[in-house]
């Protein structure tokens, strides 16, 4: 990777990690699906000018938007509302191991002993975190977060089959289709939308602009640009920085949150397990043997 690609790879976990914590702050004013509706609506208005309609793929993109955005964000961000941001972002890292499991069963990809052990470590880490006293009475939020991770993994498998479409096209049209879906979902299961909008402060709106412009447009554009030019095995490890960014932001914006020993141990096991699912160990071994 050259210096420009490394810079792009660093932008992704920084923008996503900070955005995850800011979203929790934003949901103190806006319902979860409403804030996602506004976020994706703004992103769609910007991105639609840079791509053509993917005729012939509209049905697939509609389903991806429904599963990977509307349902996934509904689960993940409602789970985020109920527990500390630092704990939530660690649990969300299960997306990687879950995706690897689904890839093995659905796409018949080779799992390997290293990845299998890594996933076992990740799930042990989850059990340690769930056993933390602070989460007593909040298991429903943990279930929502883990369910959101599983739904996200399903969506990534669906996206992997849209090989004839560019990343920016998928991002733009998923945003376009997810916006009305999320709005309808918000009207059906949430309340207080108009009050939230009319009483929002400049800080509340600046958070939404960050989520739309920085986290979505900039962050995902950088991610898709990397995926189109760099091997996934080289890019994926940079995502390990995401929880670090989010935890630092959480400790700054929520000074009452404490990073406990259970979180440290559980987080270490989860991140070790995630690393095992992200890094191409066979590629690394071959490269070392060639030196």
C-alpha atoms as a PDB file:
ATOM      1  CA  UNK A   1       0.000   0.000   0.000  1.00  0.00           C
ATOM      2  CA  UNK A   2       1.223   3.470  -0.859  1.00  0.00           C
ATOM      3  CA  UNK A   3       0.947   6.509   1.424  1.00  0.00           C
ATOM      4  CA  UNK A   4      -2.344   7.678  -0.135  1.00  0.00           C
ATOM      5  CA  UNK A   5      -3.950   4.266   0.374  1.00  0.00           C
ATOM      6  CA  UNK A   6      -2.733   4.123   3.976  1.00  0.00           C
ATOM      7  CA  UNK A   7      -4.244   7.573   4.592  1.00  0.00           C
ATOM      8  CA  UNK A   8      -7.568   6.419   3.156  1.00  0.00           C
ATOM      9  CA  UNK A   9      -7.384   3.266   5.269  1.00  0.00           C
ATOM     10  CA  UNK A  10      -6.925   5.400   8.400  1.00  0.00           C
ATOM     11  CA  UNK A  11      -9.810   7.706   7.489  1.00  0.00           C
ATOM     12  CA  UNK A  12     -12.282   4.800   7.564  1.00  0.00           C
ATOM     13  CA  UNK A  13     -11.971   3.645  11.222  1.00  0.00           C
ATOM     14  CA  UNK A  14     -11.557   7.212  12.468  1.00  0.00           C
ATOM     15  CA  UNK A  15     -14.709   8.526  10.774  1.00  0.00           C
ATOM     16  CA  UNK A  16     -16.759   5.402  11.520  1.00  0.00           C
ATOM     17  CA  UNK A  17     -15.591   5.066  15.123  1.00  0.00           C
ATOM     18  CA  UNK A  18     -16.290   8.694  16.008  1.00  0.00           C
ATOM     19  CA  UNK A  19     -19.615   8.538  14.182  1.00  0.00           C
ATOM     20  CA  UNK A  20     -20.748   5.542  16.227  1.00  0.00           C
ATOM     21  CA  UNK A  21     -20.327   7.493  19.462  1.00  0.00           C
ATOM     22  CA  UNK A  22     -21.830  10.687  18.034  1.00  0.00           C
ATOM     23  CA  UNK A  23     -24.882   8.698  16.904  1.00  0.00           C
ATOM     24  CA  UNK A  24     -25.540   7.751  20.531  1.00  0.00           C
ATOM     25  CA  UNK A  25     -25.453  11.446  21.463  1.00  0.00           C
ATOM     26  CA  UNK A  26     -27.762  12.257  18.551  1.00  0.00           C
ATOM     27  CA  UNK A  27     -30.294   9.661  19.701  1.00  0.00           C
ATOM     28  CA  UNK A  28     -30.773  11.608  22.911  1.00  0.00           C
ATOM     29  CA  UNK A  29     -32.726  14.007  20.670  1.00  0.00           C
ATOM     30  CA  UNK A  30     -33.876  11.927  17.693  1.00  0.00           C
ATOM     31  CA  UNK A  31     -35.430   8.432  17.540  1.00  0.00           C
ATOM     32  CA  UNK A  32     -33.021   5.874  16.045  1.00  0.00           C
ATOM     33  CA  UNK A  33     -34.717   5.312  12.675  1.00  0.00           C
ATOM     34  CA  UNK A  34     -35.480   9.018  12.267  1.00  0.00           C
ATOM     35  CA  UNK A  35     -31.840  10.033  12.667  1.00  0.00           C
ATOM     36  CA  UNK A  36     -30.850   7.329  10.162  1.00  0.00           C
ATOM     37  CA  UNK A  37     -33.556   8.564   7.757  1.00  0.00           C
ATOM     38  CA  UNK A  38     -32.146  12.091   7.793  1.00  0.00           C
ATOM     39  CA  UNK A  39     -28.563  10.807   7.595  1.00  0.00           C
ATOM     40  CA  UNK A  40     -29.153   8.627   4.554  1.00  0.00           C
ATOM     41  CA  UNK A  41     -31.449  11.192   2.945  1.00  0.00           C
ATOM     42  CA  UNK A  42     -28.687  13.811   2.978  1.00  0.00           C
ATOM     43  CA  UNK A  43     -26.116  11.287   1.737  1.00  0.00           C
ATOM     44  CA  UNK A  44     -28.457  10.211  -1.074  1.00  0.00           C
ATOM     45  CA  UNK A  45     -28.953  13.810  -2.245  1.00  0.00           C
ATOM     46  CA  UNK A  46     -25.183  14.178  -2.569  1.00  0.00           C
ATOM     47  CA  UNK A  47     -24.263  10.788  -4.031  1.00  0.00           C
ATOM     48  CA  UNK A  48     -27.054  10.479  -6.602  1.00  0.00           C
ATOM     49  CA  UNK A  49     -25.275  12.971  -8.900  1.00  0.00           C
ATOM     50  CA  UNK A  50     -22.182  10.778  -9.192  1.00  0.00           C
ATOM     51  CA  UNK A  51     -23.749   7.588 -10.518  1.00  0.00           C
ATOM     52  CA  UNK A  52     -26.319   6.335 -12.977  1.00  0.00           C
ATOM     53  CA  UNK A  53     -29.388   4.303 -11.995  1.00  0.00           C
ATOM     54  CA  UNK A  54     -28.408   0.605 -11.915  1.00  0.00           C
ATOM     55  CA  UNK A  55     -31.278  -0.610 -14.080  1.00  0.00           C
ATOM     56  CA  UNK A  56     -31.675  -4.353 -13.795  1.00  0.00           C
ATOM     57  CA  UNK A  57     -30.458  -4.397 -10.185  1.00  0.00           C
ATOM     58  CA  UNK A  58     -33.141  -2.293  -8.513  1.00  0.00           C
ATOM     59  CA  UNK A  59     -34.848  -5.257  -6.846  1.00  0.00           C
ATOM     60  CA  UNK A  60     -31.566  -6.548  -5.392  1.00  0.00           C
ATOM     61  CA  UNK A  61     -30.564  -3.109  -4.125  1.00  0.00           C
ATOM     62  CA  UNK A  62     -34.010  -2.583  -2.590  1.00  0.00           C
ATOM     63  CA  UNK A  63     -33.599  -5.817  -0.606  1.00  0.00           C
ATOM     64  CA  UNK A  64     -30.014  -4.922   0.383  1.00  0.00           C
ATOM     65  CA  UNK A  65     -31.251  -1.516   1.596  1.00  0.00           C
ATOM     66  CA  UNK A  66     -34.059  -3.153   3.567  1.00  0.00           C
ATOM     67  CA  UNK A  67     -31.834  -5.751   5.232  1.00  0.00           C
ATOM     68  CA  UNK A  68     -28.448  -4.019   5.417  1.00  0.00           C
ATOM     69  CA  UNK A  69     -29.668  -0.524   6.299  1.00  0.00           C
ATOM     70  CA  UNK A  70     -33.262  -0.300   7.529  1.00  0.00           C
ATOM     71  CA  UNK A  71     -33.381  -3.497   9.606  1.00  0.00           C
ATOM     72  CA  UNK A  72     -29.700  -3.519  10.534  1.00  0.00           C
ATOM     73  CA  UNK A  73     -29.555   0.084  11.737  1.00  0.00           C
ATOM     74  CA  UNK A  74     -32.893  -0.299  13.474  1.00  0.00           C
ATOM     75  CA  UNK A  75     -31.472  -3.183  15.504  1.00  0.00           C
ATOM     76  CA  UNK A  76     -27.950  -1.830  16.055  1.00  0.00           C
ATOM     77  CA  UNK A  77     -28.808   1.727  17.023  1.00  0.00           C
ATOM     78  CA  UNK A  78     -31.716   0.797  19.260  1.00  0.00           C
ATOM     79  CA  UNK A  79     -29.275  -1.555  20.986  1.00  0.00           C
ATOM     80  CA  UNK A  80     -26.738   1.279  21.242  1.00  0.00           C
ATOM     81  CA  UNK A  81     -29.303   3.419  23.071  1.00  0.00           C
ATOM     82  CA  UNK A  82     -29.440   0.969  25.981  1.00  0.00           C
ATOM     83  CA  UNK A  83     -25.760   0.448  26.842  1.00  0.00           C
ATOM     84  CA  UNK A  84     -22.447   2.307  26.958  1.00  0.00           C
ATOM     85  CA  UNK A  85     -21.033   3.303  23.574  1.00  0.00           C
ATOM     86  CA  UNK A  86     -17.649   1.751  24.393  1.00  0.00           C
ATOM     87  CA  UNK A  87     -19.278  -1.609  25.208  1.00  0.00           C
ATOM     88  CA  UNK A  88     -21.525  -1.444  22.155  1.00  0.00           C
ATOM     89  CA  UNK A  89     -18.709  -0.808  19.685  1.00  0.00           C
ATOM     90  CA  UNK A  90     -16.799  -3.844  20.982  1.00  0.00           C
ATOM     91  CA  UNK A  91     -19.853  -6.070  20.543  1.00  0.00           C
ATOM     92  CA  UNK A  92     -20.411  -4.759  17.017  1.00  0.00           C
ATOM     93  CA  UNK A  93     -17.006  -6.179  16.055  1.00  0.00           C
ATOM     94  CA  UNK A  94     -18.733  -9.566  15.922  1.00  0.00           C
ATOM     95  CA  UNK A  95     -19.731  -8.561  12.384  1.00  0.00           C
ATOM     96  CA  UNK A  96     -16.435  -9.982  11.099  1.00  0.00           C
ATOM     97  CA  UNK A  97     -16.643 -13.445  12.699  1.00  0.00           C
ATOM     98  CA  UNK A  98     -20.345 -13.778  11.877  1.00  0.00           C
ATOM     99  CA  UNK A  99     -19.623 -12.847   8.263  1.00  0.00           C
ATOM    100  CA  UNK A 100     -16.881 -15.492   8.134  1.00  0.00           C
ATOM    101  CA  UNK A 101     -19.282 -18.145   9.465  1.00  0.00           C
ATOM    102  CA  UNK A 102     -21.966 -17.199   6.952  1.00  0.00           C
ATOM    103  CA  UNK A 103     -19.409 -17.137   4.166  1.00  0.00           C
ATOM    104  CA  UNK A 104     -18.417 -20.677   5.035  1.00  0.00           C
ATOM    105  CA  UNK A 105     -21.977 -22.019   5.113  1.00  0.00           C
ATOM    106  CA  UNK A 106     -23.612 -19.917   2.386  1.00  0.00           C
ATOM    107  CA  UNK A 107     -20.775 -19.215  -0.047  1.00  0.00           C
ATOM    108  CA  UNK A 108     -18.880 -22.448   0.709  1.00  0.00           C
ATOM    109  CA  UNK A 109     -15.738 -20.474   1.512  1.00  0.00           C
ATOM    110  CA  UNK A 110     -12.935 -22.277   3.347  1.00  0.00           C
ATOM    111  CA  UNK A 111     -13.003 -21.387   7.036  1.00  0.00           C
ATOM    112  CA  UNK A 112      -9.770 -22.886   8.322  1.00  0.00           C
ATOM    113  CA  UNK A 113      -8.678 -23.782  11.837  1.00  0.00           C
ATOM    114  CA  UNK A 114      -7.211 -20.327  12.557  1.00  0.00           C
ATOM    115  CA  UNK A 115     -10.446 -18.513  11.761  1.00  0.00           C
ATOM    116  CA  UNK A 116     -12.515 -21.098  13.628  1.00  0.00           C
ATOM    117  CA  UNK A 117     -10.406 -20.610  16.765  1.00  0.00           C
ATOM    118  CA  UNK A 118     -10.583 -16.851  16.289  1.00  0.00           C
ATOM    119  CA  UNK A 119     -14.368 -16.930  16.190  1.00  0.00           C
ATOM    120  CA  UNK A 120     -14.434 -19.058  19.330  1.00  0.00           C
ATOM    121  CA  UNK A 121     -12.279 -16.463  21.104  1.00  0.00           C
ATOM    122  CA  UNK A 122     -14.567 -13.665  19.927  1.00  0.00           C
ATOM    123  CA  UNK A 123     -17.684 -15.337  21.283  1.00  0.00           C
ATOM    124  CA  UNK A 124     -15.951 -16.113  24.604  1.00  0.00           C
ATOM    125  CA  UNK A 125     -15.137 -12.414  24.803  1.00  0.00           C
ATOM    126  CA  UNK A 126     -18.812 -11.590  24.298  1.00  0.00           C
ATOM    127  CA  UNK A 127     -19.797 -13.907  27.162  1.00  0.00           C
ATOM    128  CA  UNK A 128     -17.303 -12.150  29.454  1.00  0.00           C
ATOM    129  CA  UNK A 129     -18.660  -8.710  28.549  1.00  0.00           C
ATOM    130  CA  UNK A 130     -22.281  -9.828  28.889  1.00  0.00           C
ATOM    131  CA  UNK A 131     -21.481 -11.059  32.381  1.00  0.00           C
ATOM    132  CA  UNK A 132     -20.394  -7.583  33.470  1.00  0.00           C
ATOM    133  CA  UNK A 133     -22.639  -6.255  36.293  1.00  0.00           C
ATOM    134  CA  UNK A 134     -23.401  -3.026  34.412  1.00  0.00           C
ATOM    135  CA  UNK A 135     -25.222  -5.008  31.727  1.00  0.00           C
ATOM    136  CA  UNK A 136     -27.665  -6.577  34.168  1.00  0.00           C
ATOM    137  CA  UNK A 137     -31.100  -5.640  32.900  1.00  0.00           C
ATOM    138  CA  UNK A 138     -29.708  -4.626  29.486  1.00  0.00           C
ATOM    139  CA  UNK A 139     -29.375  -8.020  27.818  1.00  0.00           C
ATOM    140  CA  UNK A 140     -32.056  -6.951  25.352  1.00  0.00           C
ATOM    141  CA  UNK A 141     -29.706  -4.232  24.069  1.00  0.00           C
ATOM    142  CA  UNK A 142     -26.902  -6.776  23.719  1.00  0.00           C
ATOM    143  CA  UNK A 143     -29.209  -9.077  21.732  1.00  0.00           C
ATOM    144  CA  UNK A 144     -30.209  -6.177  19.459  1.00  0.00           C
ATOM    145  CA  UNK A 145     -26.553  -5.328  18.780  1.00  0.00           C
ATOM    146  CA  UNK A 146     -25.552  -8.912  18.031  1.00  0.00           C
ATOM    147  CA  UNK A 147     -28.653  -9.370  15.863  1.00  0.00           C
ATOM    148  CA  UNK A 148     -27.711  -6.212  13.996  1.00  0.00           C
ATOM    149  CA  UNK A 149     -24.241  -7.638  13.381  1.00  0.00           C
ATOM    150  CA  UNK A 150     -25.751 -10.831  11.977  1.00  0.00           C
ATOM    151  CA  UNK A 151     -28.095  -8.894   9.691  1.00  0.00           C
ATOM    152  CA  UNK A 152     -25.155  -6.752   8.507  1.00  0.00           C
ATOM    153  CA  UNK A 153     -23.257  -9.937   7.605  1.00  0.00           C
ATOM    154  CA  UNK A 154     -26.214 -11.177   5.547  1.00  0.00           C
ATOM    155  CA  UNK A 155     -26.272  -7.874   3.651  1.00  0.00           C
ATOM    156  CA  UNK A 156     -22.532  -8.057   2.895  1.00  0.00           C
ATOM    157  CA  UNK A 157     -22.996 -11.483   1.326  1.00  0.00           C
ATOM    158  CA  UNK A 158     -25.775 -10.046  -0.818  1.00  0.00           C
ATOM    159  CA  UNK A 159     -23.582  -7.098  -1.819  1.00  0.00           C
ATOM    160  CA  UNK A 160     -20.733  -9.446  -2.721  1.00  0.00           C
ATOM    161  CA  UNK A 161     -22.946 -10.862  -5.482  1.00  0.00           C
ATOM    162  CA  UNK A 162     -23.424  -7.436  -7.118  1.00  0.00           C
ATOM    163  CA  UNK A 163     -20.063  -7.677  -8.830  1.00  0.00           C
ATOM    164  CA  UNK A 164     -21.093  -5.670 -11.893  1.00  0.00           C
ATOM    165  CA  UNK A 165     -21.827  -2.537  -9.858  1.00  0.00           C
ATOM    166  CA  UNK A 166     -19.302  -0.059  -8.494  1.00  0.00           C
ATOM    167  CA  UNK A 167     -19.118   0.626  -4.777  1.00  0.00           C
ATOM    168  CA  UNK A 168     -20.283   4.222  -5.172  1.00  0.00           C
ATOM    169  CA  UNK A 169     -23.319   3.064  -7.169  1.00  0.00           C
ATOM    170  CA  UNK A 170     -24.298   0.571  -4.464  1.00  0.00           C
ATOM    171  CA  UNK A 171     -23.756   3.152  -1.714  1.00  0.00           C
ATOM    172  CA  UNK A 172     -25.759   5.860  -3.498  1.00  0.00           C
ATOM    173  CA  UNK A 173     -28.762   3.728  -4.421  1.00  0.00           C
ATOM    174  CA  UNK A 174     -28.869   1.889  -1.120  1.00  0.00           C
ATOM    175  CA  UNK A 175     -29.080   5.327   0.518  1.00  0.00           C
ATOM    176  CA  UNK A 176     -31.809   6.409  -1.916  1.00  0.00           C
ATOM    177  CA  UNK A 177     -33.923   3.321  -1.245  1.00  0.00           C
ATOM    178  CA  UNK A 178     -33.215   3.074   2.480  1.00  0.00           C
ATOM    179  CA  UNK A 179     -34.355   6.629   3.195  1.00  0.00           C
ATOM    180  CA  UNK A 180     -38.105   6.093   2.578  1.00  0.00           C
ATOM    181  CA  UNK A 181     -37.916   2.621   4.140  1.00  0.00           C
ATOM    182  CA  UNK A 182     -36.468   4.034   7.365  1.00  0.00           C
ATOM    183  CA  UNK A 183     -38.957   6.901   7.382  1.00  0.00           C
ATOM    184  CA  UNK A 184     -41.900   4.498   7.124  1.00  0.00           C
ATOM    185  CA  UNK A 185     -40.346   2.307   9.829  1.00  0.00           C
ATOM    186  CA  UNK A 186     -39.936   5.359  12.068  1.00  0.00           C
ATOM    187  CA  UNK A 187     -43.586   6.338  11.589  1.00  0.00           C
ATOM    188  CA  UNK A 188     -44.712   2.795  12.437  1.00  0.00           C
ATOM    189  CA  UNK A 189     -42.661   2.064  15.569  1.00  0.00           C
ATOM    190  CA  UNK A 190     -41.355   5.415  16.857  1.00  0.00           C
ATOM    191  CA  UNK A 191     -42.968   8.577  18.135  1.00  0.00           C
ATOM    192  CA  UNK A 192     -42.119  12.223  18.756  1.00  0.00           C
ATOM    193  CA  UNK A 193     -40.512  12.785  15.361  1.00  0.00           C
ATOM    194  CA  UNK A 194     -41.892  16.276  14.751  1.00  0.00           C
ATOM    195  CA  UNK A 195     -41.056  17.410  18.285  1.00  0.00           C
ATOM    196  CA  UNK A 196     -37.510  16.067  17.905  1.00  0.00           C
ATOM    197  CA  UNK A 197     -37.019  17.968  14.636  1.00  0.00           C
ATOM    198  CA  UNK A 198     -38.497  21.269  15.829  1.00  0.00           C
ATOM    199  CA  UNK A 199     -36.613  21.309  19.134  1.00  0.00           C
ATOM    200  CA  UNK A 200     -33.232  20.102  17.835  1.00  0.00           C
ATOM    201  CA  UNK A 201     -30.260  22.345  18.580  1.00  0.00           C
ATOM    202  CA  UNK A 202     -27.394  23.335  16.304  1.00  0.00           C
ATOM    203  CA  UNK A 203     -25.317  20.621  17.985  1.00  0.00           C
ATOM    204  CA  UNK A 204     -27.955  18.000  17.184  1.00  0.00           C
ATOM    205  CA  UNK A 205     -28.022  19.013  13.509  1.00  0.00           C
ATOM    206  CA  UNK A 206     -24.218  19.156  13.341  1.00  0.00           C
ATOM    207  CA  UNK A 207     -24.132  15.533  14.544  1.00  0.00           C
ATOM    208  CA  UNK A 208     -26.500  14.517  11.743  1.00  0.00           C
ATOM    209  CA  UNK A 209     -24.364  16.388   9.201  1.00  0.00           C
ATOM    210  CA  UNK A 210     -21.306  14.518  10.479  1.00  0.00           C
ATOM    211  CA  UNK A 211     -23.093  11.172  10.165  1.00  0.00           C
ATOM    212  CA  UNK A 212     -24.242  12.000   6.620  1.00  0.00           C
ATOM    213  CA  UNK A 213     -21.262  13.848   5.139  1.00  0.00           C
ATOM    214  CA  UNK A 214     -18.248  12.474   7.019  1.00  0.00           C
ATOM    215  CA  UNK A 215     -19.221   9.013   8.242  1.00  0.00           C
ATOM    216  CA  UNK A 216     -21.313   7.999   5.223  1.00  0.00           C
ATOM    217  CA  UNK A 217     -20.155   9.961   2.154  1.00  0.00           C
ATOM    218  CA  UNK A 218     -16.450  10.344   3.051  1.00  0.00           C
ATOM    219  CA  UNK A 219     -15.986   7.170   5.105  1.00  0.00           C
ATOM    220  CA  UNK A 220     -17.775   4.771   2.796  1.00  0.00           C
ATOM    221  CA  UNK A 221     -16.369   6.388  -0.349  1.00  0.00           C
ATOM    222  CA  UNK A 222     -12.862   5.857   1.026  1.00  0.00           C
ATOM    223  CA  UNK A 223     -13.743   2.260   1.940  1.00  0.00           C
ATOM    224  CA  UNK A 224     -15.112   1.390  -1.480  1.00  0.00           C
ATOM    225  CA  UNK A 225     -12.166   3.109  -3.175  1.00  0.00           C
ATOM    226  CA  UNK A 226      -9.798   0.918  -1.163  1.00  0.00           C
ATOM    227  CA  UNK A 227     -11.738  -2.258  -1.927  1.00  0.00           C
ATOM    228  CA  UNK A 228     -11.439  -1.506  -5.636  1.00  0.00           C
ATOM    229  CA  UNK A 229      -7.662  -0.991  -5.547  1.00  0.00           C
ATOM    230  CA  UNK A 230      -6.193  -2.951  -2.615  1.00  0.00           C
ATOM    231  CA  UNK A 231      -6.451  -6.581  -1.493  1.00  0.00           C
ATOM    232  CA  UNK A 232      -9.033  -7.035   1.252  1.00  0.00           C
ATOM    233  CA  UNK A 233      -6.430  -8.870   3.350  1.00  0.00           C
ATOM    234  CA  UNK A 234      -4.328  -5.692   3.443  1.00  0.00           C
ATOM    235  CA  UNK A 235      -7.186  -3.275   4.145  1.00  0.00           C
ATOM    236  CA  UNK A 236      -9.312  -5.190   6.663  1.00  0.00           C
ATOM    237  CA  UNK A 237      -6.817  -5.039   9.572  1.00  0.00           C
ATOM    238  CA  UNK A 238      -7.185  -1.243   9.624  1.00  0.00           C
ATOM    239  CA  UNK A 239     -10.761  -1.780  10.844  1.00  0.00           C
ATOM    240  CA  UNK A 240      -9.228  -2.999  14.097  1.00  0.00           C
ATOM    241  CA  UNK A 241      -8.682   0.688  14.907  1.00  0.00           C
ATOM    242  CA  UNK A 242     -12.424   1.390  14.825  1.00  0.00           C
ATOM    243  CA  UNK A 243     -13.247   0.376  18.427  1.00  0.00           C
ATOM    244  CA  UNK A 244     -10.200   2.282  19.687  1.00  0.00           C
ATOM    245  CA  UNK A 245     -11.476   5.487  18.066  1.00  0.00           C
ATOM    246  CA  UNK A 246     -14.990   4.904  19.363  1.00  0.00           C
ATOM    247  CA  UNK A 247     -13.877   4.062  22.909  1.00  0.00           C
ATOM    248  CA  UNK A 248     -11.705   7.205  23.093  1.00  0.00           C
ATOM    249  CA  UNK A 249     -14.640   9.293  21.848  1.00  0.00           C
ATOM    250  CA  UNK A 250     -16.982   7.617  24.331  1.00  0.00           C
ATOM    251  CA  UNK A 251     -14.662   8.350  27.254  1.00  0.00           C
ATOM    252  CA  UNK A 252     -14.453  12.008  26.137  1.00  0.00           C
ATOM    253  CA  UNK A 253     -18.163  12.598  25.566  1.00  0.00           C
ATOM    254  CA  UNK A 254     -19.338  10.266  28.336  1.00  0.00           C
ATOM    255  CA  UNK A 255     -16.825  10.722  31.181  1.00  0.00           C
ATOM    256  CA  UNK A 256     -19.069   8.701  33.513  1.00  0.00           C
ATOM    257  CA  UNK A 257     -18.494   5.596  31.403  1.00  0.00           C
ATOM    258  CA  UNK A 258     -15.840   3.342  32.931  1.00  0.00           C
ATOM    259  CA  UNK A 259     -13.637   0.959  30.989  1.00  0.00           C
ATOM    260  CA  UNK A 260     -13.738  -2.077  33.275  1.00  0.00           C
ATOM    261  CA  UNK A 261     -11.470  -5.118  33.520  1.00  0.00           C
ATOM    262  CA  UNK A 262     -14.256  -7.282  32.056  1.00  0.00           C
ATOM    263  CA  UNK A 263     -14.462  -4.979  29.036  1.00  0.00           C
ATOM    264  CA  UNK A 264     -10.680  -5.045  28.662  1.00  0.00           C
ATOM    265  CA  UNK A 265     -10.454  -8.857  28.761  1.00  0.00           C
ATOM    266  CA  UNK A 266     -13.572  -9.434  26.681  1.00  0.00           C
ATOM    267  CA  UNK A 267     -12.569  -6.737  24.199  1.00  0.00           C
ATOM    268  CA  UNK A 268      -9.082  -8.235  23.829  1.00  0.00           C
ATOM    269  CA  UNK A 269     -10.520 -11.674  23.089  1.00  0.00           C
ATOM    270  CA  UNK A 270     -13.029 -10.263  20.620  1.00  0.00           C
ATOM    271  CA  UNK A 271     -10.427  -8.178  18.791  1.00  0.00           C
ATOM    272  CA  UNK A 272      -8.003 -11.124  18.698  1.00  0.00           C
ATOM    273  CA  UNK A 273     -10.738 -13.279  17.263  1.00  0.00           C
ATOM    274  CA  UNK A 274     -11.706 -10.609  14.739  1.00  0.00           C
ATOM    275  CA  UNK A 275      -8.066 -10.286  13.661  1.00  0.00           C
ATOM    276  CA  UNK A 276      -8.013 -14.009  12.953  1.00  0.00           C
ATOM    277  CA  UNK A 277     -11.002 -13.660  10.640  1.00  0.00           C
ATOM    278  CA  UNK A 278      -9.670 -10.581   8.823  1.00  0.00           C
ATOM    279  CA  UNK A 279      -6.007 -11.371   8.199  1.00  0.00           C
ATOM    280  CA  UNK A 280      -5.148 -13.672   5.313  1.00  0.00           C
ATOM    281  CA  UNK A 281      -2.836 -16.006   7.234  1.00  0.00           C
ATOM    282  CA  UNK A 282      -2.010 -18.212   4.253  1.00  0.00           C
ATOM    283  CA  UNK A 283      -0.979 -15.155   2.231  1.00  0.00           C
ATOM    284  CA  UNK A 284       1.227 -13.970   5.099  1.00  0.00           C
ATOM    285  CA  UNK A 285       2.939 -17.337   5.404  1.00  0.00           C
ATOM    286  CA  UNK A 286       3.669 -17.547   1.682  1.00  0.00           C
ATOM    287  CA  UNK A 287       5.041 -14.001   1.667  1.00  0.00           C
ATOM    288  CA  UNK A 288       7.339 -14.754   4.596  1.00  0.00           C
ATOM    289  CA  UNK A 289       8.632 -17.901   2.915  1.00  0.00           C
ATOM    290  CA  UNK A 290       9.505 -15.914  -0.188  1.00  0.00           C
ATOM    291  CA  UNK A 291      11.738 -13.481   1.717  1.00  0.00           C
END
